[in-house]
Amino acid sequence: MDFSIVVDNLGLYLQGLWTNGTITPLQRPANLAAKLVFSEPEAAEYERTWLGEFRKNFPPEDLQAPDIDYTYMDRMKVVAGRRTSLITDPSDGRLPPLLPAAKARADARPKPSKDDPELLGLDERCLLATAFGTSNATPPMVPNPFGQNFYQIVQTRDHVLIYTETVHDARVIRIGGQHAPAAVQLWLGDSIGHWEGATLVVDTTNFTAKSHFRGSGTRLHVVERFTRTGPTTIRYQFTADDPETWDRAWSAEIPFNASDQRIYEYACHEGNYSMMNVLRGARAEEKAARR
């Protein structure tokens, strides 16, 4: 396929199985403030030590599970080019400062509670994957640090569907469509697209506050650009703007690489016998305490 021309039949241009998995962080770590790019030895050391640093985000009881080590997780690498952040603008590789209104909004949100199912996090309720402040399906599509970063893109002339492994969400992009009225708020936002040469440009608005990205609100506006750069690569770029959350718009770039792995069902709690055992154990402890 010649990727330098505009393809009349767009059915296979982006279609396929892809992964954007990487351990390059969204934001440049404070200890790398002056470093835009890793050297090859630095990148190798970062990849070697990343999991140990990642595990420091969790309490000891969570680390007893096998799903926060390489028994379960993929061994991901830094992005090609060895950038130290996915954010490309601002130049410091950091998210812009949060506005006071965003902080107040975050403080007003109900705090997660193990005692009220309606106040459990979206992850625990299997409604949307929001690990570390991001959703695999909702734009911007930032890699999940747990390695669950597989996508299937299906194309027709009028629609592009992006299906994600986690939590089996499917975002439908209407080519040449119009946004729904502002009062219509959707879990994944309302996505419409158009072609600029060989680049699919996707404009997403109409977000709900329930699926916010790192504190964003309902006025979040994300513009994504998908450009096929070779037989096995897509350059994914986005700009996110929310006048009620950050003091300026910001942008990032993330490579998508073709995958030969199947996307398996993400069944969440269905057939999760450990959940029944956990509940049975909790009831036994409560009974023992009453005695």
Protein backbone atom coordinates (compact mmCIF):
# COMPACT_ATOMS: atom_id res chain seq x y z
CA MET A 1 0.00 0.00 0.00
CA ASP A 2 1.27 3.49 -0.86
CA PHE A 3 0.75 5.51 2.32
CA SER A 4 1.67 8.83 0.67
CA ILE A 5 -1.54 9.10 -1.33
CA VAL A 6 -5.15 9.69 -0.42
CA VAL A 7 -6.90 6.34 -0.64
CA ASP A 8 -10.28 6.42 -2.39
CA ASN A 9 -11.34 3.15 -0.82
CA LEU A 10 -10.73 3.86 2.86
CA GLY A 11 -11.91 0.44 4.07
CA LEU A 12 -8.46 -0.87 5.00
CA TYR A 13 -6.45 2.30 5.58
CA LEU A 14 -6.51 2.16 9.41
CA GLN A 15 -8.28 -1.16 9.82
CA GLY A 16 -6.58 -3.83 11.88
CA LEU A 17 -5.37 -4.82 15.35
CA TRP A 18 -3.15 -2.31 17.13
CA THR A 19 -1.44 -1.58 20.44
CA ASN A 20 -0.24 1.73 21.87
CA GLY A 21 1.35 0.13 24.94
CA THR A 22 4.41 1.92 26.29
CA ILE A 23 5.99 2.78 29.64
CA THR A 24 6.86 6.28 28.45
CA PRO A 25 4.83 8.38 30.91
CA LEU A 26 2.22 10.89 29.85
CA GLN A 27 4.05 13.57 31.86
CA ARG A 28 7.80 13.96 32.10
CA PRO A 29 8.93 12.92 35.60
CA ALA A 30 10.24 15.75 37.78
CA ASN A 31 13.69 14.17 37.98
CA LEU A 32 13.90 14.31 34.16
CA ALA A 33 12.77 17.93 33.83
CA ALA A 34 15.67 19.01 31.60
CA LYS A 35 15.86 15.79 29.56
CA LEU A 36 13.76 15.59 26.41
CA VAL A 37 15.13 12.26 25.17
CA PHE A 38 16.75 9.23 26.83
CA SER A 39 20.10 7.98 25.62
CA GLU A 40 20.06 4.30 24.65
CA PRO A 41 21.63 3.19 27.99
CA GLU A 42 19.22 5.42 29.94
CA ALA A 43 16.24 3.99 28.07
CA ALA A 44 17.40 0.43 28.79
CA GLU A 45 17.80 1.24 32.50
CA TYR A 46 14.38 2.92 32.64
CA GLU A 47 12.80 -0.17 31.09
CA ARG A 48 14.66 -2.45 33.53
CA THR A 49 13.58 -0.55 36.65
CA TRP A 50 10.15 0.69 35.60
CA LEU A 51 8.05 -2.04 37.22
CA GLY A 52 9.68 -1.57 40.62
CA GLU A 53 8.94 2.15 40.50
CA PHE A 54 5.39 1.53 39.30
CA ARG A 55 4.67 -0.80 42.21
CA LYS A 56 5.42 2.04 44.65
CA ASN A 57 2.02 3.49 43.74
CA PHE A 58 0.20 0.67 45.56
CA PRO A 59 -0.33 -0.28 49.21
CA PRO A 60 1.27 -3.54 50.42
CA GLU A 61 -2.00 -5.48 50.37
CA ASP A 62 -2.49 -4.77 46.66
CA LEU A 63 1.00 -6.04 45.88
CA GLN A 64 0.07 -9.51 47.14
CA ALA A 65 -1.92 -10.05 43.93
CA PRO A 66 -0.10 -11.44 40.87
CA ASP A 67 -1.52 -8.84 38.47
CA ILE A 68 1.06 -6.14 39.28
CA ASP A 69 4.06 -8.01 38.03
CA TYR A 70 5.27 -9.50 34.76
CA THR A 71 3.34 -12.72 35.38
CA TYR A 72 0.30 -10.75 34.26
CA MET A 73 1.58 -7.51 32.75
CA ASP A 74 3.23 -6.96 29.37
CA ARG A 75 6.90 -5.95 29.27
CA MET A 76 6.47 -2.61 27.56
CA LYS A 77 9.22 -0.31 26.30
CA VAL A 78 9.69 3.42 25.82
CA VAL A 79 8.39 4.91 22.58
CA ALA A 80 10.51 4.99 19.45
CA GLY A 81 12.72 8.04 19.57
CA ARG A 82 13.07 7.56 23.36
CA ARG A 83 11.09 10.67 24.36
CA THR A 84 10.75 11.09 28.14
CA SER A 85 7.07 12.08 27.94
CA LEU A 86 4.11 11.52 25.66
CA ILE A 87 3.17 15.17 26.04
CA THR A 88 4.77 17.25 23.30
CA ASP A 89 3.23 20.63 24.17
CA PRO A 90 3.89 22.34 26.60
CA SER A 91 7.62 21.87 26.00
CA ASP A 92 8.22 20.86 29.65
CA GLY A 93 6.26 17.67 28.98
CA ARG A 94 3.84 18.37 31.83
CA LEU A 95 0.09 18.88 32.02
CA PRO A 96 -0.84 22.57 32.35
CA PRO A 97 -1.80 23.72 35.86
CA LEU A 98 -5.31 22.90 37.03
CA LEU A 99 -7.66 25.86 37.36
CA PRO A 100 -9.30 26.57 40.75
CA ALA A 101 -12.69 25.54 39.34
CA ALA A 102 -11.30 22.08 38.45
CA LYS A 103 -9.90 21.62 41.96
CA ALA A 104 -13.23 22.63 43.49
CA ARG A 105 -15.06 20.23 41.17
CA ALA A 106 -12.77 17.39 42.19
CA ASP A 107 -13.30 18.15 45.88
CA ALA A 108 -17.07 18.11 45.38
CA ARG A 109 -17.16 14.70 43.74
CA PRO A 110 -18.35 11.88 46.03
CA LYS A 111 -15.39 9.94 47.37
CA PRO A 112 -15.17 6.25 46.45
CA SER A 113 -16.60 4.00 49.14
CA LYS A 114 -16.35 0.24 49.57
CA ASP A 115 -19.63 0.37 51.51
CA ASP A 116 -21.74 1.84 48.69
CA PRO A 117 -21.67 0.08 45.31
CA GLU A 118 -22.73 3.31 43.59
CA LEU A 119 -19.64 5.04 44.94
CA LEU A 120 -17.15 2.40 43.87
CA GLY A 121 -14.75 3.49 41.16
CA LEU A 122 -15.72 2.93 37.53
CA ASP A 123 -12.96 0.31 37.27
CA GLU A 124 -14.37 -1.74 40.13
CA ARG A 125 -17.89 -1.48 38.73
CA CYS A 126 -16.64 -2.67 35.32
CA LEU A 127 -18.19 0.35 33.63
CA LEU A 128 -15.09 2.00 32.21
CA ALA A 129 -11.35 1.47 32.53
CA THR A 130 -9.94 4.56 34.23
CA ALA A 131 -6.63 3.28 35.63
CA PHE A 132 -4.32 6.15 36.54
CA GLY A 133 -6.71 8.79 35.28
CA THR A 134 -7.33 7.56 31.78
CA SER A 135 -9.77 5.46 29.79
CA ASN A 136 -8.69 3.17 26.99
CA ALA A 137 -11.72 4.10 24.89
CA THR A 138 -12.46 7.71 25.75
CA PRO A 139 -10.27 10.27 23.99
CA PRO A 140 -7.55 11.12 24.60
CA MET A 141 -6.46 7.47 24.29
CA VAL A 142 -3.46 7.37 26.64
CA PRO A 143 -1.79 3.99 27.28
CA ASN A 144 -2.84 2.04 30.34
CA PRO A 145 0.18 1.29 32.58
CA PHE A 146 -1.12 -2.23 33.23
CA GLY A 147 -0.43 -3.17 29.61
CA GLN A 148 -4.05 -3.66 28.48
CA ASN A 149 -3.66 -1.51 25.37
CA PHE A 150 -5.08 -3.50 22.47
CA TYR A 151 -7.43 -1.97 19.92
CA GLN A 152 -9.32 -3.12 16.86
CA ILE A 153 -10.12 -0.51 14.23
CA VAL A 154 -12.91 -1.31 11.77
CA GLN A 155 -13.65 1.04 8.87
CA THR A 156 -16.39 1.76 6.38
CA ARG A 157 -16.79 4.82 4.20
CA ASP A 158 -19.18 6.41 6.72
CA HIS A 159 -17.88 5.18 10.08
CA VAL A 160 -14.75 4.22 11.95
CA LEU A 161 -15.15 1.99 14.99
CA ILE A 162 -12.45 1.77 17.67
CA TYR A 163 -12.94 -1.27 19.90
CA THR A 164 -10.82 -1.58 23.03
CA GLU A 165 -9.82 -4.62 25.06
CA THR A 166 -10.54 -2.81 28.33
CA VAL A 167 -13.50 -2.72 29.24
CA HIS A 168 -14.70 -3.94 25.79
CA ASP A 169 -15.92 -0.44 24.86
CA ALA A 170 -16.55 0.55 21.25
CA ARG A 171 -16.34 4.16 20.09
CA VAL A 172 -18.11 4.91 16.81
CA ILE A 173 -16.79 7.87 14.80
CA ARG A 174 -19.24 9.28 12.24
CA ILE A 175 -17.43 10.48 9.13
CA GLY A 176 -18.82 13.85 8.07
CA GLY A 177 -21.32 13.85 10.95
CA GLN A 178 -22.53 16.67 13.18
CA HIS A 179 -22.24 16.78 16.96
CA ALA A 180 -25.30 15.99 19.07
CA PRO A 181 -26.84 18.88 21.06
CA ALA A 182 -24.70 19.94 24.03
CA ALA A 183 -27.25 18.51 26.48
CA VAL A 184 -26.56 15.00 25.17
CA GLN A 185 -23.58 13.75 27.19
CA LEU A 186 -22.01 10.38 26.43
CA TRP A 187 -19.65 8.08 28.35
CA LEU A 188 -17.13 8.08 25.49
CA GLY A 189 -17.93 11.53 24.17
CA ASP A 190 -19.48 12.27 20.77
CA SER A 191 -16.93 11.68 17.97
CA ILE A 192 -17.20 12.94 14.39
CA GLY A 193 -14.44 12.68 11.79
CA HIS A 194 -13.19 13.92 8.44
CA TRP A 195 -10.19 13.27 6.22
CA GLU A 196 -7.41 15.77 5.69
CA GLY A 197 -5.40 14.10 2.97
CA ALA A 198 -4.19 10.81 4.43
CA THR A 199 -4.99 11.79 8.03
CA LEU A 200 -8.23 10.97 9.85
CA VAL A 201 -9.13 13.94 12.07
CA VAL A 202 -11.57 13.16 14.89
CA ASP A 203 -13.36 15.86 16.90
CA THR A 204 -14.90 14.76 20.22
CA THR A 205 -17.14 16.79 22.55
CA ASN A 206 -20.26 16.12 24.68
CA PHE A 207 -18.40 14.39 27.50
CA THR A 208 -20.02 13.39 30.75
CA ALA A 209 -18.37 14.32 34.04
CA LYS A 210 -18.61 10.66 35.09
CA SER A 211 -15.84 9.63 32.71
CA HIS A 212 -13.58 12.64 33.22
CA PHE A 213 -9.93 12.62 32.18
CA ARG A 214 -7.68 13.64 35.10
CA GLY A 215 -10.21 16.08 36.48
CA SER A 216 -11.64 17.38 33.20
CA GLY A 217 -15.24 18.53 32.94
CA THR A 218 -18.08 18.38 30.44
CA ARG A 219 -16.48 21.09 28.24
CA LEU A 220 -13.50 18.90 27.38
CA HIS A 221 -12.75 19.07 23.65
CA VAL A 222 -10.32 16.61 22.08
CA VAL A 223 -9.05 16.67 18.49
CA GLU A 224 -7.27 13.47 17.39
CA ARG A 225 -5.22 12.83 14.25
CA PHE A 226 -4.59 9.29 12.95
CA THR A 227 -1.94 9.03 10.23
CA ARG A 228 -0.81 5.68 8.80
CA THR A 229 2.98 6.05 8.56
CA GLY A 230 3.86 2.56 7.35
CA PRO A 231 2.58 -1.01 7.02
CA THR A 232 2.74 -1.54 10.80
CA THR A 233 2.52 1.96 12.32
CA ILE A 234 0.03 4.74 12.98
CA ARG A 235 1.03 8.15 14.32
CA TYR A 236 -1.63 9.16 16.85
CA GLN A 237 -1.66 12.81 17.92
CA PHE A 238 -4.19 14.72 19.97
CA THR A 239 -4.85 18.12 21.48
CA ALA A 240 -7.04 18.40 24.58
CA ASP A 241 -8.65 21.63 25.69
CA ASP A 242 -10.98 22.34 28.59
CA PRO A 243 -11.40 25.99 29.65
CA GLU A 244 -12.79 24.83 33.00
CA THR A 245 -9.89 22.50 33.83
CA TRP A 246 -6.48 23.60 32.48
CA ASP A 247 -5.09 27.07 31.89
CA ARG A 248 -4.21 26.17 28.27
CA ALA A 249 -4.62 23.41 25.70
CA TRP A 250 -2.03 20.62 25.59
CA SER A 251 -0.94 18.00 23.07
CA ALA A 252 0.66 14.56 22.95
CA GLU A 253 1.85 12.02 20.41
CA ILE A 254 1.66 8.22 20.83
CA PRO A 255 2.67 5.56 18.30
CA PHE A 256 0.28 2.71 17.50
CA ASN A 257 1.92 -0.51 16.33
CA ALA A 258 0.29 -3.38 14.47
CA SER A 259 -0.38 -6.44 16.65
CA ASP A 260 -0.72 -10.10 15.78
CA GLN A 261 -2.40 -10.88 19.11
CA ARG A 262 -6.08 -11.58 19.44
CA ILE A 263 -8.31 -9.43 21.62
CA TYR A 264 -9.95 -11.69 24.17
CA GLU A 265 -13.18 -11.06 26.01
CA TYR A 266 -12.81 -8.77 29.01
CA ALA A 267 -15.36 -10.52 31.21
CA CYS A 268 -14.60 -8.60 34.40
CA HIS A 269 -16.68 -10.14 37.23
CA GLU A 270 -18.53 -12.75 35.17
CA GLY A 271 -17.22 -16.13 36.22
CA ASN A 272 -14.91 -14.51 38.77
CA TYR A 273 -15.01 -17.19 41.46
CA SER A 274 -12.45 -15.35 43.56
CA MET A 275 -15.10 -12.66 44.13
CA MET A 276 -17.44 -15.23 45.66
CA ASN A 277 -14.61 -16.55 47.84
CA VAL A 278 -13.71 -13.03 49.01
CA LEU A 279 -17.33 -12.35 49.97
CA ARG A 280 -17.68 -15.75 51.63
CA GLY A 281 -14.54 -15.07 53.66
CA ALA A 282 -15.78 -11.63 54.69
CA ARG A 283 -19.10 -13.09 55.90
CA ALA A 284 -17.19 -15.76 57.88
CA GLU A 285 -15.05 -13.07 59.57
CA GLU A 286 -18.16 -11.07 60.44
CA LYS A 287 -19.81 -14.18 61.93
CA ALA A 288 -16.69 -14.94 63.96
CA ALA A 289 -16.59 -11.36 65.25
CA ARG A 290 -20.21 -11.58 66.43
CA ARG A 291 -19.38 -14.68 68.41
